[in-house]
């Protein structure tokens, strides 16, 4: 019942609402550079611009001996994995080359039910270069996803998550608030009101 109510709420939100056009002013984190990429990723998603999302992404390299192999199925066949990361509610990570990644992003965008709602930005890990990541979390219809940003010289999308809300609910309680390092608890802020006397 809880899942059905959440699905109805999401579908109601998608009816008649405008597509979001975000700017950094309402970004809920203090890192200006990360906010800039988060804004670009969110707006590219809303515009269904696969090419721009690919441009905002980077490949990653995983050494299997340094990770929990259960989350990286490719480690059954190789000791090093490289490519663009894709994941789902079970948090298993698949690495694909750029052509396959763009095709998967295209496929994801085809499932988008407008409008996209940006839930917020989740902050993961300590505030240290190379260890902190940010999740740009969003919903569309009955689906929940996130772009995880990592820093290597600059902020880029390193891992894309996407699955049905029902599957996320089967893995954790209240994913709209708790998934992706509690992104839903750190929502995009409304811009400050303008004082008419100052205009």
C-alpha atoms as a PDB file:
ATOM      1  CA  UNK A   1       0.000   0.000   0.000  1.00  0.00           C
ATOM      2  CA  UNK A   2       2.798   2.403   0.878  1.00  0.00           C
ATOM      3  CA  UNK A   3       4.426   1.800  -2.506  1.00  0.00           C
ATOM      4  CA  UNK A   4       1.121   2.399  -4.298  1.00  0.00           C
ATOM      5  CA  UNK A   5       0.599   5.689  -2.475  1.00  0.00           C
ATOM      6  CA  UNK A   6       4.109   6.865  -3.370  1.00  0.00           C
ATOM      7  CA  UNK A   7       3.529   5.947  -7.002  1.00  0.00           C
ATOM      8  CA  UNK A   8       0.251   7.892  -7.086  1.00  0.00           C
ATOM      9  CA  UNK A   9       1.965  10.904  -5.506  1.00  0.00           C
ATOM     10  CA  UNK A  10       4.726  10.824  -8.114  1.00  0.00           C
ATOM     11  CA  UNK A  11       2.268  10.550 -10.985  1.00  0.00           C
ATOM     12  CA  UNK A  12       0.240  13.461  -9.640  1.00  0.00           C
ATOM     13  CA  UNK A  13       3.383  15.552  -9.432  1.00  0.00           C
ATOM     14  CA  UNK A  14       4.087  14.781 -13.089  1.00  0.00           C
ATOM     15  CA  UNK A  15       0.715  16.064 -14.315  1.00  0.00           C
ATOM     16  CA  UNK A  16       0.766  19.563 -15.676  1.00  0.00           C
ATOM     17  CA  UNK A  17       3.936  20.711 -13.915  1.00  0.00           C
ATOM     18  CA  UNK A  18       6.621  22.550 -15.903  1.00  0.00           C
ATOM     19  CA  UNK A  19      10.005  21.029 -16.619  1.00  0.00           C
ATOM     20  CA  UNK A  20      12.603  22.240 -14.114  1.00  0.00           C
ATOM     21  CA  UNK A  21      15.242  24.718 -15.188  1.00  0.00           C
ATOM     22  CA  UNK A  22      17.669  24.889 -12.300  1.00  0.00           C
ATOM     23  CA  UNK A  23      20.421  27.323 -11.500  1.00  0.00           C
ATOM     24  CA  UNK A  24      23.129  27.242  -8.861  1.00  0.00           C
ATOM     25  CA  UNK A  25      21.343  29.756  -6.650  1.00  0.00           C
ATOM     26  CA  UNK A  26      19.228  27.070  -5.005  1.00  0.00           C
ATOM     27  CA  UNK A  27      21.939  24.400  -4.832  1.00  0.00           C
ATOM     28  CA  UNK A  28      21.840  22.738  -1.378  1.00  0.00           C
ATOM     29  CA  UNK A  29      25.609  22.140  -1.127  1.00  0.00           C
ATOM     30  CA  UNK A  30      28.454  24.614  -0.659  1.00  0.00           C
ATOM     31  CA  UNK A  31      30.753  23.341  -3.415  1.00  0.00           C
ATOM     32  CA  UNK A  32      30.278  25.824  -6.263  1.00  0.00           C
ATOM     33  CA  UNK A  33      31.990  23.671  -8.907  1.00  0.00           C
ATOM     34  CA  UNK A  34      29.977  20.566  -7.996  1.00  0.00           C
ATOM     35  CA  UNK A  35      26.787  22.655  -8.032  1.00  0.00           C
ATOM     36  CA  UNK A  36      27.601  23.815 -11.549  1.00  0.00           C
ATOM     37  CA  UNK A  37      27.862  20.254 -12.852  1.00  0.00           C
ATOM     38  CA  UNK A  38      24.761  19.222 -10.886  1.00  0.00           C
ATOM     39  CA  UNK A  39      22.780  22.018 -12.550  1.00  0.00           C
ATOM     40  CA  UNK A  40      24.029  21.063 -16.016  1.00  0.00           C
ATOM     41  CA  UNK A  41      23.235  17.384 -15.448  1.00  0.00           C
ATOM     42  CA  UNK A  42      19.741  18.118 -14.113  1.00  0.00           C
ATOM     43  CA  UNK A  43      18.896  20.427 -16.986  1.00  0.00           C
ATOM     44  CA  UNK A  44      20.313  18.026 -19.588  1.00  0.00           C
ATOM     45  CA  UNK A  45      18.143  15.298 -18.073  1.00  0.00           C
ATOM     46  CA  UNK A  46      15.045  17.497 -18.203  1.00  0.00           C
ATOM     47  CA  UNK A  47      15.840  18.385 -21.836  1.00  0.00           C
ATOM     48  CA  UNK A  48      16.463  14.703 -22.674  1.00  0.00           C
ATOM     49  CA  UNK A  49      19.877  15.671 -24.036  1.00  0.00           C
ATOM     50  CA  UNK A  50      21.811  12.390 -24.101  1.00  0.00           C
ATOM     51  CA  UNK A  51      24.812  13.947 -25.812  1.00  0.00           C
ATOM     52  CA  UNK A  52      25.241  16.532 -23.074  1.00  0.00           C
ATOM     53  CA  UNK A  53      24.921  13.922 -20.331  1.00  0.00           C
ATOM     54  CA  UNK A  54      27.655  11.875 -21.990  1.00  0.00           C
ATOM     55  CA  UNK A  55      29.851  14.997 -22.206  1.00  0.00           C
ATOM     56  CA  UNK A  56      29.338  15.564 -18.478  1.00  0.00           C
ATOM     57  CA  UNK A  57      30.388  11.989 -17.670  1.00  0.00           C
ATOM     58  CA  UNK A  58      33.765  10.366 -17.175  1.00  0.00           C
ATOM     59  CA  UNK A  59      35.018   6.803 -17.227  1.00  0.00           C
ATOM     60  CA  UNK A  60      36.255   5.144 -14.075  1.00  0.00           C
ATOM     61  CA  UNK A  61      38.685   2.316 -13.345  1.00  0.00           C
ATOM     62  CA  UNK A  62      38.100  -0.273 -10.615  1.00  0.00           C
ATOM     63  CA  UNK A  63      40.695  -2.702  -9.289  1.00  0.00           C
ATOM     64  CA  UNK A  64      38.741  -5.769  -8.262  1.00  0.00           C
ATOM     65  CA  UNK A  65      41.049  -6.681  -5.383  1.00  0.00           C
ATOM     66  CA  UNK A  66      40.173  -3.357  -3.732  1.00  0.00           C
ATOM     67  CA  UNK A  67      36.364  -3.620  -3.843  1.00  0.00           C
ATOM     68  CA  UNK A  68      33.577  -5.939  -2.696  1.00  0.00           C
ATOM     69  CA  UNK A  69      33.311  -8.159  -5.747  1.00  0.00           C
ATOM     70  CA  UNK A  70      29.629  -8.972  -5.170  1.00  0.00           C
ATOM     71  CA  UNK A  71      28.783  -5.455  -6.353  1.00  0.00           C
ATOM     72  CA  UNK A  72      30.903  -5.717  -9.505  1.00  0.00           C
ATOM     73  CA  UNK A  73      29.843  -8.735 -11.598  1.00  0.00           C
ATOM     74  CA  UNK A  74      32.547  -7.976 -14.160  1.00  0.00           C
ATOM     75  CA  UNK A  75      35.167  -8.952 -11.593  1.00  0.00           C
ATOM     76  CA  UNK A  76      34.245 -12.583 -12.231  1.00  0.00           C
ATOM     77  CA  UNK A  77      36.061 -12.297 -15.556  1.00  0.00           C
ATOM     78  CA  UNK A  78      38.648  -9.539 -15.063  1.00  0.00           C
ATOM     79  CA  UNK A  79      40.810  -8.017 -12.346  1.00  0.00           C
ATOM     80  CA  UNK A  80      40.402  -4.456 -13.610  1.00  0.00           C
ATOM     81  CA  UNK A  81      37.189  -2.856 -14.859  1.00  0.00           C
ATOM     82  CA  UNK A  82      37.069   0.356 -16.850  1.00  0.00           C
ATOM     83  CA  UNK A  83      34.311   2.379 -18.469  1.00  0.00           C
ATOM     84  CA  UNK A  84      31.163   4.306 -17.629  1.00  0.00           C
ATOM     85  CA  UNK A  85      29.380   2.987 -14.544  1.00  0.00           C
ATOM     86  CA  UNK A  86      25.698   1.988 -14.523  1.00  0.00           C
ATOM     87  CA  UNK A  87      23.784   0.720 -11.503  1.00  0.00           C
ATOM     88  CA  UNK A  88      20.304  -0.031 -10.156  1.00  0.00           C
ATOM     89  CA  UNK A  89      18.430  -0.630  -6.909  1.00  0.00           C
ATOM     90  CA  UNK A  90      20.576  -3.677  -6.091  1.00  0.00           C
ATOM     91  CA  UNK A  91      23.673  -1.433  -6.342  1.00  0.00           C
ATOM     92  CA  UNK A  92      25.531  -3.795  -8.654  1.00  0.00           C
ATOM     93  CA  UNK A  93      27.730  -1.840 -11.060  1.00  0.00           C
ATOM     94  CA  UNK A  94      28.215  -2.564 -14.753  1.00  0.00           C
ATOM     95  CA  UNK A  95      30.983  -0.860 -16.744  1.00  0.00           C
ATOM     96  CA  UNK A  96      30.402  -0.137 -20.430  1.00  0.00           C
ATOM     97  CA  UNK A  97      32.272   1.702 -23.182  1.00  0.00           C
ATOM     98  CA  UNK A  98      31.196   5.140 -24.399  1.00  0.00           C
ATOM     99  CA  UNK A  99      29.061   3.904 -27.305  1.00  0.00           C
ATOM    100  CA  UNK A 100      27.163   1.504 -25.057  1.00  0.00           C
ATOM    101  CA  UNK A 101      26.854   4.188 -22.401  1.00  0.00           C
ATOM    102  CA  UNK A 102      25.318   6.676 -24.805  1.00  0.00           C
ATOM    103  CA  UNK A 103      22.897   4.000 -26.009  1.00  0.00           C
ATOM    104  CA  UNK A 104      21.884   3.238 -22.419  1.00  0.00           C
ATOM    105  CA  UNK A 105      21.423   6.928 -21.640  1.00  0.00           C
ATOM    106  CA  UNK A 106      19.257   7.254 -24.758  1.00  0.00           C
ATOM    107  CA  UNK A 107      17.188   4.293 -23.579  1.00  0.00           C
ATOM    108  CA  UNK A 108      16.846   5.798 -20.100  1.00  0.00           C
ATOM    109  CA  UNK A 109      15.665   9.113 -21.524  1.00  0.00           C
ATOM    110  CA  UNK A 110      13.030   7.332 -23.608  1.00  0.00           C
ATOM    111  CA  UNK A 111      11.409   6.154 -20.361  1.00  0.00           C
ATOM    112  CA  UNK A 112      11.215   9.672 -18.927  1.00  0.00           C
ATOM    113  CA  UNK A 113       7.724  10.848 -18.044  1.00  0.00           C
ATOM    114  CA  UNK A 114       7.753  14.625 -17.856  1.00  0.00           C
ATOM    115  CA  UNK A 115       8.382  16.481 -15.722  1.00  0.00           C
ATOM    116  CA  UNK A 116      11.556  15.335 -14.022  1.00  0.00           C
ATOM    117  CA  UNK A 117      11.586  16.224 -10.332  1.00  0.00           C
ATOM    118  CA  UNK A 118      14.997  16.880  -8.770  1.00  0.00           C
ATOM    119  CA  UNK A 119      14.832  15.510  -5.222  1.00  0.00           C
ATOM    120  CA  UNK A 120      18.075  17.038  -3.991  1.00  0.00           C
ATOM    121  CA  UNK A 121      21.789  16.358  -3.634  1.00  0.00           C
ATOM    122  CA  UNK A 122      23.173  13.693  -1.332  1.00  0.00           C
ATOM    123  CA  UNK A 123      26.660  14.121   0.132  1.00  0.00           C
ATOM    124  CA  UNK A 124      28.744  10.965   0.595  1.00  0.00           C
ATOM    125  CA  UNK A 125      32.125  10.521   2.251  1.00  0.00           C
ATOM    126  CA  UNK A 126      34.527  12.869   4.022  1.00  0.00           C
ATOM    127  CA  UNK A 127      35.367  16.325   2.704  1.00  0.00           C
ATOM    128  CA  UNK A 128      38.623  15.186   1.122  1.00  0.00           C
ATOM    129  CA  UNK A 129      39.699  15.280  -2.555  1.00  0.00           C
ATOM    130  CA  UNK A 130      38.911  12.008  -4.277  1.00  0.00           C
ATOM    131  CA  UNK A 131      36.821  10.650  -1.388  1.00  0.00           C
ATOM    132  CA  UNK A 132      33.702  12.821  -1.368  1.00  0.00           C
ATOM    133  CA  UNK A 133      30.958  12.229  -3.930  1.00  0.00           C
ATOM    134  CA  UNK A 134      27.623  13.931  -4.585  1.00  0.00           C
ATOM    135  CA  UNK A 135      24.373  12.365  -5.791  1.00  0.00           C
ATOM    136  CA  UNK A 136      22.021  14.395  -7.993  1.00  0.00           C
ATOM    137  CA  UNK A 137      18.825  12.446  -7.254  1.00  0.00           C
ATOM    138  CA  UNK A 138      15.658  12.665  -9.338  1.00  0.00           C
ATOM    139  CA  UNK A 139      12.330  11.037 -10.087  1.00  0.00           C
ATOM    140  CA  UNK A 140      10.332  10.625 -13.282  1.00  0.00           C
ATOM    141  CA  UNK A 141       6.949   8.939 -13.189  1.00  0.00           C
ATOM    142  CA  UNK A 142       7.446   5.729 -11.192  1.00  0.00           C
ATOM    143  CA  UNK A 143      11.249   5.698 -11.561  1.00  0.00           C
ATOM    144  CA  UNK A 144      14.056   6.913  -9.319  1.00  0.00           C
ATOM    145  CA  UNK A 145      17.583   7.713 -10.412  1.00  0.00           C
ATOM    146  CA  UNK A 146      20.769   9.559  -9.570  1.00  0.00           C
ATOM    147  CA  UNK A 147      23.928  10.874 -11.155  1.00  0.00           C
ATOM    148  CA  UNK A 148      26.869  10.329  -8.814  1.00  0.00           C
ATOM    149  CA  UNK A 149      29.515  13.020  -9.212  1.00  0.00           C
ATOM    150  CA  UNK A 150      33.172  12.345  -8.430  1.00  0.00           C
ATOM    151  CA  UNK A 151      36.186  14.640  -8.487  1.00  0.00           C
ATOM    152  CA  UNK A 152      39.292  13.980 -10.586  1.00  0.00           C
ATOM    153  CA  UNK A 153      40.621  17.391 -11.663  1.00  0.00           C
ATOM    154  CA  UNK A 154      36.967  18.437 -11.996  1.00  0.00           C
ATOM    155  CA  UNK A 155      33.490  17.162 -11.088  1.00  0.00           C
ATOM    156  CA  UNK A 156      31.864  14.728 -13.515  1.00  0.00           C
ATOM    157  CA  UNK A 157      29.212  12.022 -13.564  1.00  0.00           C
ATOM    158  CA  UNK A 158      31.001   8.767 -12.736  1.00  0.00           C
ATOM    159  CA  UNK A 159      28.024   6.510 -12.039  1.00  0.00           C
ATOM    160  CA  UNK A 160      24.400   6.606 -13.209  1.00  0.00           C
ATOM    161  CA  UNK A 161      21.698   4.870 -11.151  1.00  0.00           C
ATOM    162  CA  UNK A 162      18.231   4.117 -12.495  1.00  0.00           C
ATOM    163  CA  UNK A 163      15.454   1.725 -11.485  1.00  0.00           C
ATOM    164  CA  UNK A 164      11.763   1.616 -10.684  1.00  0.00           C
ATOM    165  CA  UNK A 165      10.635   3.097  -7.396  1.00  0.00           C
ATOM    166  CA  UNK A 166       9.156  -0.298  -6.493  1.00  0.00           C
ATOM    167  CA  UNK A 167      12.593  -1.912  -6.791  1.00  0.00           C
ATOM    168  CA  UNK A 168      14.195   0.821  -4.678  1.00  0.00           C
ATOM    169  CA  UNK A 169      11.512   0.317  -2.025  1.00  0.00           C
ATOM    170  CA  UNK A 170      12.272  -3.407  -1.917  1.00  0.00           C
ATOM    171  CA  UNK A 171      15.890  -2.585  -1.012  1.00  0.00           C
ATOM    172  CA  UNK A 172      15.447   0.221   1.554  1.00  0.00           C
ATOM    173  CA  UNK A 173      12.806   2.127   3.475  1.00  0.00           C
ATOM    174  CA  UNK A 174      11.574   5.485   2.152  1.00  0.00           C
ATOM    175  CA  UNK A 175      13.976   5.776  -0.809  1.00  0.00           C
ATOM    176  CA  UNK A 176      12.596   9.207  -1.747  1.00  0.00           C
ATOM    177  CA  UNK A 177      14.281  10.530   1.393  1.00  0.00           C
ATOM    178  CA  UNK A 178      16.997   8.019   2.248  1.00  0.00           C
ATOM    179  CA  UNK A 179      18.461   6.819  -1.069  1.00  0.00           C
ATOM    180  CA  UNK A 180      21.683   8.278  -2.443  1.00  0.00           C
ATOM    181  CA  UNK A 181      23.128   9.470   0.874  1.00  0.00           C
ATOM    182  CA  UNK A 182      19.791  10.973   1.907  1.00  0.00           C
ATOM    183  CA  UNK A 183      19.513  13.237  -1.123  1.00  0.00           C
ATOM    184  CA  UNK A 184      15.812  13.777  -0.457  1.00  0.00           C
ATOM    185  CA  UNK A 185      16.695  15.392   2.876  1.00  0.00           C
ATOM    186  CA  UNK A 186      18.827  17.987   1.065  1.00  0.00           C
ATOM    187  CA  UNK A 187      16.404  19.432  -1.497  1.00  0.00           C
ATOM    188  CA  UNK A 188      16.995  22.210  -3.980  1.00  0.00           C
ATOM    189  CA  UNK A 189      16.241  25.485  -2.224  1.00  0.00           C
ATOM    190  CA  UNK A 190      13.745  28.013  -3.516  1.00  0.00           C
ATOM    191  CA  UNK A 191      15.441  31.231  -4.666  1.00  0.00           C
ATOM    192  CA  UNK A 192      15.229  34.069  -2.156  1.00  0.00           C
ATOM    193  CA  UNK A 193      12.341  36.470  -2.584  1.00  0.00           C
ATOM    194  CA  UNK A 194      13.138  39.749  -4.333  1.00  0.00           C
ATOM    195  CA  UNK A 195      12.516  42.912  -2.352  1.00  0.00           C
ATOM    196  CA  UNK A 196      10.331  45.113  -4.612  1.00  0.00           C
ATOM    197  CA  UNK A 197      11.915  48.189  -3.052  1.00  0.00           C
ATOM    198  CA  UNK A 198      15.306  47.145  -4.377  1.00  0.00           C
ATOM    199  CA  UNK A 199      14.186  46.899  -8.024  1.00  0.00           C
END
